[in-house]
Amino acid sequence: MKRTKSVKVSRKYQITIPKNIREIAGIDKMDRVYFEVEEDGKIVLKVLKKSWTDTYAGISKGVFSVDFIKKERSNW
């Protein structure tokens, strides 16, 4: 199943992945993508699904004070 769609490159060299392409490729918010440029100049976009650690990284930031953390670590 091959799907194509044309998009315009913005002044900041950004593009928006069209909704139907995102759905077909399974691209979700916060997923990472990377580009491969093949020898013939073809650009291939690949999806890197977010990991559990990426999803929850920083979730508790600011919950515990630095002093509390130091005290807890000293008890290890």
PDB file of N, CA and C in Angstrom:
ATOM      1  N   MET A   1       0.853  -1.169   0.000  1.00  0.00           N
ATOM      2  CA  MET A   1       0.000   0.000   0.000  1.00  0.00           C
ATOM      3  C   MET A   1       0.901   1.235   0.000  1.00  0.00           C
ATOM      4  N   LYS A   2       0.977   1.904  -1.107  1.00  0.00           N
ATOM      5  CA  LYS A   2       1.822   3.076  -1.227  1.00  0.00           C
ATOM      6  C   LYS A   2       0.931   4.319  -1.228  1.00  0.00           C
ATOM      7  N   ARG A   3       1.223   5.245  -0.337  1.00  0.00           N
ATOM      8  CA  ARG A   3       0.463   6.497  -0.245  1.00  0.00           C
ATOM      9  C   ARG A   3       1.439   7.649  -0.412  1.00  0.00           C
ATOM     10  N   THR A   4       1.030   8.645  -1.158  1.00  0.00           N
ATOM     11  CA  THR A   4       1.864   9.826  -1.332  1.00  0.00           C
ATOM     12  C   THR A   4       1.035  11.074  -1.097  1.00  0.00           C
ATOM     13  N   LYS A   5       1.706  12.117  -0.695  1.00  0.00           N
ATOM     14  CA  LYS A   5       1.054  13.406  -0.473  1.00  0.00           C
ATOM     15  C   LYS A   5       2.135  14.469  -0.557  1.00  0.00           C
ATOM     16  N   SER A   6       1.810  15.575  -1.147  1.00  0.00           N
ATOM     17  CA  SER A   6       2.742  16.688  -1.274  1.00  0.00           C
ATOM     18  C   SER A   6       2.516  17.682  -0.135  1.00  0.00           C
ATOM     19  N   VAL A   7       3.606  18.164   0.465  1.00  0.00           N
ATOM     20  CA  VAL A   7       3.520  19.201   1.494  1.00  0.00           C
ATOM     21  C   VAL A   7       4.541  20.284   1.172  1.00  0.00           C
ATOM     22  N   LYS A   8       4.300  21.464   1.710  1.00  0.00           N
ATOM     23  CA  LYS A   8       5.182  22.599   1.457  1.00  0.00           C
ATOM     24  C   LYS A   8       6.181  22.738   2.604  1.00  0.00           C
ATOM     25  N   VAL A   9       7.421  23.067   2.261  1.00  0.00           N
ATOM     26  CA  VAL A   9       8.457  23.314   3.259  1.00  0.00           C
ATOM     27  C   VAL A   9       8.319  24.772   3.701  1.00  0.00           C
ATOM     28  N   SER A  10       8.253  24.991   5.025  1.00  0.00           N
ATOM     29  CA  SER A  10       8.071  26.354   5.553  1.00  0.00           C
ATOM     30  C   SER A  10       9.361  27.149   5.440  1.00  0.00           C
ATOM     31  N   ARG A  11       9.282  28.428   5.787  1.00  0.00           N
ATOM     32  CA  ARG A  11      10.468  29.290   5.768  1.00  0.00           C
ATOM     33  C   ARG A  11      11.542  28.808   6.738  1.00  0.00           C
ATOM     34  N   LYS A  12      11.116  28.073   7.754  1.00  0.00           N
ATOM     35  CA  LYS A  12      12.070  27.525   8.728  1.00  0.00           C
ATOM     36  C   LYS A  12      12.461  26.091   8.362  1.00  0.00           C
ATOM     37  N   TYR A  13      12.180  25.673   7.143  1.00  0.00           N
ATOM     38  CA  TYR A  13      12.498  24.331   6.640  1.00  0.00           C
ATOM     39  C   TYR A  13      11.751  23.239   7.389  1.00  0.00           C
ATOM     40  N   GLN A  14      10.557  23.543   7.875  1.00  0.00           N
ATOM     41  CA  GLN A  14       9.753  22.561   8.580  1.00  0.00           C
ATOM     42  C   GLN A  14       8.654  22.043   7.668  1.00  0.00           C
ATOM     43  N   ILE A  15       8.232  20.799   7.939  1.00  0.00           N
ATOM     44  CA  ILE A  15       7.102  20.223   7.220  1.00  0.00           C
ATOM     45  C   ILE A  15       6.131  19.633   8.236  1.00  0.00           C
ATOM     46  N   THR A  16       4.881  19.496   7.839  1.00  0.00           N
ATOM     47  CA  THR A  16       3.881  18.833   8.656  1.00  0.00           C
ATOM     48  C   THR A  16       3.545  17.514   7.983  1.00  0.00           C
ATOM     49  N   ILE A  17       3.588  16.439   8.746  1.00  0.00           N
ATOM     50  CA  ILE A  17       3.238  15.131   8.191  1.00  0.00           C
ATOM     51  C   ILE A  17       1.720  15.059   8.125  1.00  0.00           C
ATOM     52  N   PRO A  18       1.159  14.867   6.933  1.00  0.00           N
ATOM     53  CA  PRO A  18      -0.299  14.828   6.793  1.00  0.00           C
ATOM     54  C   PRO A  18      -0.940  13.734   7.651  1.00  0.00           C
ATOM     55  N   LYS A  19      -2.151  14.013   8.114  1.00  0.00           N
ATOM     56  CA  LYS A  19      -2.850  13.112   9.027  1.00  0.00           C
ATOM     57  C   LYS A  19      -2.958  11.694   8.475  1.00  0.00           C
ATOM     58  N   ASN A  20      -3.352  11.553   7.222  1.00  0.00           N
ATOM     59  CA  ASN A  20      -3.527  10.193   6.684  1.00  0.00           C
ATOM     60  C   ASN A  20      -2.200   9.435   6.624  1.00  0.00           C
ATOM     61  N   ILE A  21      -1.117  10.135   6.368  1.00  0.00           N
ATOM     62  CA  ILE A  21       0.202   9.495   6.349  1.00  0.00           C
ATOM     63  C   ILE A  21       0.607   9.098   7.775  1.00  0.00           C
ATOM     64  N   ARG A  22       0.364   9.995   8.756  1.00  0.00           N
ATOM     65  CA  ARG A  22       0.663   9.670  10.166  1.00  0.00           C
ATOM     66  C   ARG A  22      -0.106   8.434  10.602  1.00  0.00           C
ATOM     67  N   GLU A  23      -1.368   8.368  10.233  1.00  0.00           N
ATOM     68  CA  GLU A  23      -2.193   7.225  10.632  1.00  0.00           C
ATOM     69  C   GLU A  23      -1.707   5.928  10.000  1.00  0.00           C
ATOM     70  N   ILE A  24      -1.392   5.962   8.723  1.00  0.00           N
ATOM     71  CA  ILE A  24      -0.908   4.760   8.033  1.00  0.00           C
ATOM     72  C   ILE A  24       0.420   4.297   8.628  1.00  0.00           C
ATOM     73  N   ALA A  25       1.317   5.256   8.925  1.00  0.00           N
ATOM     74  CA  ALA A  25       2.642   4.919   9.450  1.00  0.00           C
ATOM     75  C   ALA A  25       2.635   4.660  10.951  1.00  0.00           C
ATOM     76  N   GLY A  26       1.528   4.983  11.624  1.00  0.00           N
ATOM     77  CA  GLY A  26       1.452   4.778  13.069  1.00  0.00           C
ATOM     78  C   GLY A  26       2.271   5.782  13.858  1.00  0.00           C
ATOM     79  N   ILE A  27       2.430   6.987  13.322  1.00  0.00           N
ATOM     80  CA  ILE A  27       3.197   8.016  14.012  1.00  0.00           C
ATOM     81  C   ILE A  27       2.293   8.696  15.027  1.00  0.00           C
ATOM     82  N   ASP A  28       2.783   8.780  16.270  1.00  0.00           N
ATOM     83  CA  ASP A  28       2.014   9.371  17.360  1.00  0.00           C
ATOM     84  C   ASP A  28       2.789  10.548  17.939  1.00  0.00           C
ATOM     85  N   LYS A  29       2.118  11.358  18.730  1.00  0.00           N
ATOM     86  CA  LYS A  29       2.779  12.480  19.389  1.00  0.00           C
ATOM     87  C   LYS A  29       3.954  11.966  20.200  1.00  0.00           C
ATOM     88  N   MET A  30       5.028  12.713  20.170  1.00  0.00           N
ATOM     89  CA  MET A  30       6.268  12.433  20.901  1.00  0.00           C
ATOM     90  C   MET A  30       7.071  11.257  20.347  1.00  0.00           C
ATOM     91  N   ASP A  31       6.622  10.621  19.286  1.00  0.00           N
ATOM     92  CA  ASP A  31       7.458   9.633  18.611  1.00  0.00           C
ATOM     93  C   ASP A  31       8.624  10.375  17.980  1.00  0.00           C
ATOM     94  N   ARG A  32       9.720   9.698  17.829  1.00  0.00           N
ATOM     95  CA  ARG A  32      10.867  10.286  17.132  1.00  0.00           C
ATOM     96  C   ARG A  32      10.914   9.688  15.737  1.00  0.00           C
ATOM     97  N   VAL A  33      11.344  10.490  14.803  1.00  0.00           N
ATOM     98  CA  VAL A  33      11.528  10.008  13.434  1.00  0.00           C
ATOM     99  C   VAL A  33      12.949  10.347  13.014  1.00  0.00           C
ATOM    100  N   TYR A  34      13.477   9.566  12.115  1.00  0.00           N
ATOM    101  CA  TYR A  34      14.769   9.919  11.564  1.00  0.00           C
ATOM    102  C   TYR A  34      14.738   9.733  10.064  1.00  0.00           C
ATOM    103  N   PHE A  35      15.643  10.431   9.420  1.00  0.00           N
ATOM    104  CA  PHE A  35      15.691  10.474   7.965  1.00  0.00           C
ATOM    105  C   PHE A  35      16.931   9.755   7.472  1.00  0.00           C
ATOM    106  N   GLU A  36      16.761   8.989   6.429  1.00  0.00           N
ATOM    107  CA  GLU A  36      17.887   8.381   5.730  1.00  0.00           C
ATOM    108  C   GLU A  36      17.857   8.913   4.303  1.00  0.00           C
ATOM    109  N   VAL A  37      19.002   9.318   3.813  1.00  0.00           N
ATOM    110  CA  VAL A  37      19.094   9.761   2.425  1.00  0.00           C
ATOM    111  C   VAL A  37      19.844   8.677   1.670  1.00  0.00           C
ATOM    112  N   GLU A  38      19.174   8.075   0.705  1.00  0.00           N
ATOM    113  CA  GLU A  38      19.776   7.003  -0.076  1.00  0.00           C
ATOM    114  C   GLU A  38      20.642   7.586  -1.184  1.00  0.00           C
ATOM    115  N   GLU A  39      21.460   6.750  -1.783  1.00  0.00           N
ATOM    116  CA  GLU A  39      22.405   7.207  -2.800  1.00  0.00           C
ATOM    117  C   GLU A  39      21.721   7.896  -3.975  1.00  0.00           C
ATOM    118  N   ASP A  40      20.507   7.469  -4.307  1.00  0.00           N
ATOM    119  CA  ASP A  40      19.795   8.077  -5.432  1.00  0.00           C
ATOM    120  C   ASP A  40      19.058   9.360  -5.039  1.00  0.00           C
ATOM    121  N   GLY A  41      19.262   9.821  -3.775  1.00  0.00           N
ATOM    122  CA  GLY A  41      18.636  11.054  -3.309  1.00  0.00           C
ATOM    123  C   GLY A  41      17.279  10.852  -2.660  1.00  0.00           C
ATOM    124  N   LYS A  42      16.776   9.619  -2.667  1.00  0.00           N
ATOM    125  CA  LYS A  42      15.492   9.336  -2.029  1.00  0.00           C
ATOM    126  C   LYS A  42      15.627   9.508  -0.527  1.00  0.00           C
ATOM    127  N   ILE A  43      14.652  10.191   0.087  1.00  0.00           N
ATOM    128  CA  ILE A  43      14.642  10.380   1.534  1.00  0.00           C
ATOM    129  C   ILE A  43      13.647   9.410   2.141  1.00  0.00           C
ATOM    130  N   VAL A  44      14.102   8.642   3.116  1.00  0.00           N
ATOM    131  CA  VAL A  44      13.254   7.675   3.803  1.00  0.00           C
ATOM    132  C   VAL A  44      13.083   8.142   5.242  1.00  0.00           C
ATOM    133  N   LEU A  45      11.842   8.281   5.682  1.00  0.00           N
ATOM    134  CA  LEU A  45      11.531   8.684   7.053  1.00  0.00           C
ATOM    135  C   LEU A  45      11.170   7.436   7.826  1.00  0.00           C
ATOM    136  N   LYS A  46      11.821   7.216   8.960  1.00  0.00           N
ATOM    137  CA  LYS A  46      11.547   6.035   9.775  1.00  0.00           C
ATOM    138  C   LYS A  46      11.066   6.466  11.149  1.00  0.00           C
ATOM    139  N   VAL A  47      10.148   5.699  11.703  1.00  0.00           N
ATOM    140  CA  VAL A  47       9.540   6.014  12.999  1.00  0.00           C
ATOM    141  C   VAL A  47      10.241   5.235  14.098  1.00  0.00           C
ATOM    142  N   LEU A  48      10.618   5.939  15.163  1.00  0.00           N
ATOM    143  CA  LEU A  48      11.166   5.310  16.359  1.00  0.00           C
ATOM    144  C   LEU A  48      10.111   5.492  17.439  1.00  0.00           C
ATOM    145  N   LYS A  49       9.419   4.435  17.778  1.00  0.00           N
ATOM    146  CA  LYS A  49       8.365   4.530  18.781  1.00  0.00           C
ATOM    147  C   LYS A  49       8.977   4.894  20.120  1.00  0.00           C
ATOM    148  N   LYS A  50       8.269   5.713  20.882  1.00  0.00           N
ATOM    149  CA  LYS A  50       8.800   6.153  22.171  1.00  0.00           C
ATOM    150  C   LYS A  50       8.872   4.983  23.147  1.00  0.00           C
ATOM    151  N   SER A  51       9.911   5.003  23.937  1.00  0.00           N
ATOM    152  CA  SER A  51      10.088   3.951  24.927  1.00  0.00           C
ATOM    153  C   SER A  51       9.356   4.337  26.211  1.00  0.00           C
ATOM    154  N   TRP A  52       9.219   3.396  27.100  1.00  0.00           N
ATOM    155  CA  TRP A  52       8.574   3.646  28.387  1.00  0.00           C
ATOM    156  C   TRP A  52       9.331   4.727  29.144  1.00  0.00           C
ATOM    157  N   THR A  53      10.655   4.670  29.109  1.00  0.00           N
ATOM    158  CA  THR A  53      11.441   5.660  29.849  1.00  0.00           C
ATOM    159  C   THR A  53      11.301   7.049  29.240  1.00  0.00           C
ATOM    160  N   ASP A  54      11.226   7.145  27.902  1.00  0.00           N
ATOM    161  CA  ASP A  54      11.015   8.447  27.269  1.00  0.00           C
ATOM    162  C   ASP A  54       9.658   9.020  27.647  1.00  0.00           C
ATOM    163  N   THR A  55       8.658   8.156  27.739  1.00  0.00           N
ATOM    164  CA  THR A  55       7.304   8.597  28.049  1.00  0.00           C
ATOM    165  C   THR A  55       7.229   9.221  29.432  1.00  0.00           C
ATOM    166  N   TYR A  56       7.901   8.612  30.401  1.00  0.00           N
ATOM    167  CA  TYR A  56       7.765   9.055  31.784  1.00  0.00           C
ATOM    168  C   TYR A  56       8.965   9.828  32.320  1.00  0.00           C
ATOM    169  N   ALA A  57       9.945  10.102  31.491  1.00  0.00           N
ATOM    170  CA  ALA A  57      11.124  10.846  31.949  1.00  0.00           C
ATOM    171  C   ALA A  57      10.719  12.230  32.439  1.00  0.00           C
ATOM    172  N   GLY A  58      11.179  12.580  33.627  1.00  0.00           N
ATOM    173  CA  GLY A  58      10.912  13.902  34.171  1.00  0.00           C
ATOM    174  C   GLY A  58       9.551  14.080  34.811  1.00  0.00           C
ATOM    175  N   ILE A  59       8.772  13.012  34.898  1.00  0.00           N
ATOM    176  CA  ILE A  59       7.404  13.130  35.413  1.00  0.00           C
ATOM    177  C   ILE A  59       7.372  13.596  36.870  1.00  0.00           C
ATOM    178  N   SER A  60       8.409  13.265  37.649  1.00  0.00           N
ATOM    179  CA  SER A  60       8.406  13.648  39.064  1.00  0.00           C
ATOM    180  C   SER A  60       9.304  14.850  39.336  1.00  0.00           C
ATOM    181  N   LYS A  61       9.714  15.553  38.302  1.00  0.00           N
ATOM    182  CA  LYS A  61      10.600  16.700  38.476  1.00  0.00           C
ATOM    183  C   LYS A  61       9.942  17.733  39.388  1.00  0.00           C
ATOM    184  N   GLY A  62      10.676  18.143  40.403  1.00  0.00           N
ATOM    185  CA  GLY A  62      10.168  19.147  41.330  1.00  0.00           C
ATOM    186  C   GLY A  62       9.347  18.593  42.477  1.00  0.00           C
ATOM    187  N   VAL A  63       9.085  17.291  42.500  1.00  0.00           N
ATOM    188  CA  VAL A  63       8.275  16.698  43.561  1.00  0.00           C
ATOM    189  C   VAL A  63       9.076  16.614  44.858  1.00  0.00           C
ATOM    190  N   PHE A  64      10.336  16.220  44.755  1.00  0.00           N
ATOM    191  CA  PHE A  64      11.180  16.071  45.942  1.00  0.00           C
ATOM    192  C   PHE A  64      12.261  17.144  45.937  1.00  0.00           C
ATOM    193  N   SER A  65      12.535  17.713  47.114  1.00  0.00           N
ATOM    194  CA  SER A  65      13.589  18.728  47.209  1.00  0.00           C
ATOM    195  C   SER A  65      14.954  18.051  47.119  1.00  0.00           C
ATOM    196  N   VAL A  66      15.955  18.842  46.763  1.00  0.00           N
ATOM    197  CA  VAL A  66      17.321  18.329  46.665  1.00  0.00           C
ATOM    198  C   VAL A  66      17.782  17.809  48.018  1.00  0.00           C
ATOM    199  N   ASP A  67      17.439  18.524  49.095  1.00  0.00           N
ATOM    200  CA  ASP A  67      17.833  18.080  50.441  1.00  0.00           C
ATOM    201  C   ASP A  67      17.223  16.731  50.793  1.00  0.00           C
ATOM    202  N   PHE A  68      15.957  16.540  50.441  1.00  0.00           N
ATOM    203  CA  PHE A  68      15.286  15.267  50.709  1.00  0.00           C
ATOM    204  C   PHE A  68      15.994  14.128  49.969  1.00  0.00           C
ATOM    205  N   ILE A  69      16.327  14.362  48.722  1.00  0.00           N
ATOM    206  CA  ILE A  69      16.989  13.330  47.908  1.00  0.00           C
ATOM    207  C   ILE A  69      18.358  13.001  48.486  1.00  0.00           C
ATOM    208  N   LYS A  70      19.116  14.030  48.881  1.00  0.00           N
ATOM    209  CA  LYS A  70      20.440  13.793  49.478  1.00  0.00           C
ATOM    210  C   LYS A  70      20.313  12.963  50.757  1.00  0.00           C
ATOM    211  N   LYS A  71      19.329  13.304  51.582  1.00  0.00           N
ATOM    212  CA  LYS A  71      19.115  12.570  52.829  1.00  0.00           C
ATOM    213  C   LYS A  71      18.781  11.109  52.547  1.00  0.00           C
ATOM    214  N   GLU A  72      17.893  10.866  51.595  1.00  0.00           N
ATOM    215  CA  GLU A  72      17.514   9.500  51.238  1.00  0.00           C
ATOM    216  C   GLU A  72      18.694   8.721  50.686  1.00  0.00           C
ATOM    217  N   ARG A  73      19.474   9.363  49.830  1.00  0.00           N
ATOM    218  CA  ARG A  73      20.631   8.683  49.260  1.00  0.00           C
ATOM    219  C   ARG A  73      21.672   8.331  50.309  1.00  0.00           C
ATOM    220  N   SER A  74      21.790   9.159  51.326  1.00  0.00           N
ATOM    221  CA  SER A  74      22.786   8.883  52.372  1.00  0.00           C
ATOM    222  C   SER A  74      22.399   7.638  53.178  1.00  0.00           C
ATOM    223  N   ASN A  75      21.132   7.244  53.132  1.00  0.00           N
ATOM    224  CA  ASN A  75      20.674   6.058  53.845  1.00  0.00           C
ATOM    225  C   ASN A  75      20.848   4.762  53.038  1.00  0.00           C
ATOM    226  N   TRP A  76      21.346   4.851  51.816  1.00  0.00           N
ATOM    227  CA  TRP A  76      21.498   3.660  50.976  1.00  0.00           C
ATOM    228  C   TRP A  76      22.631   2.819  51.456  1.00  0.00           C
TER     229      TRP A  76
END
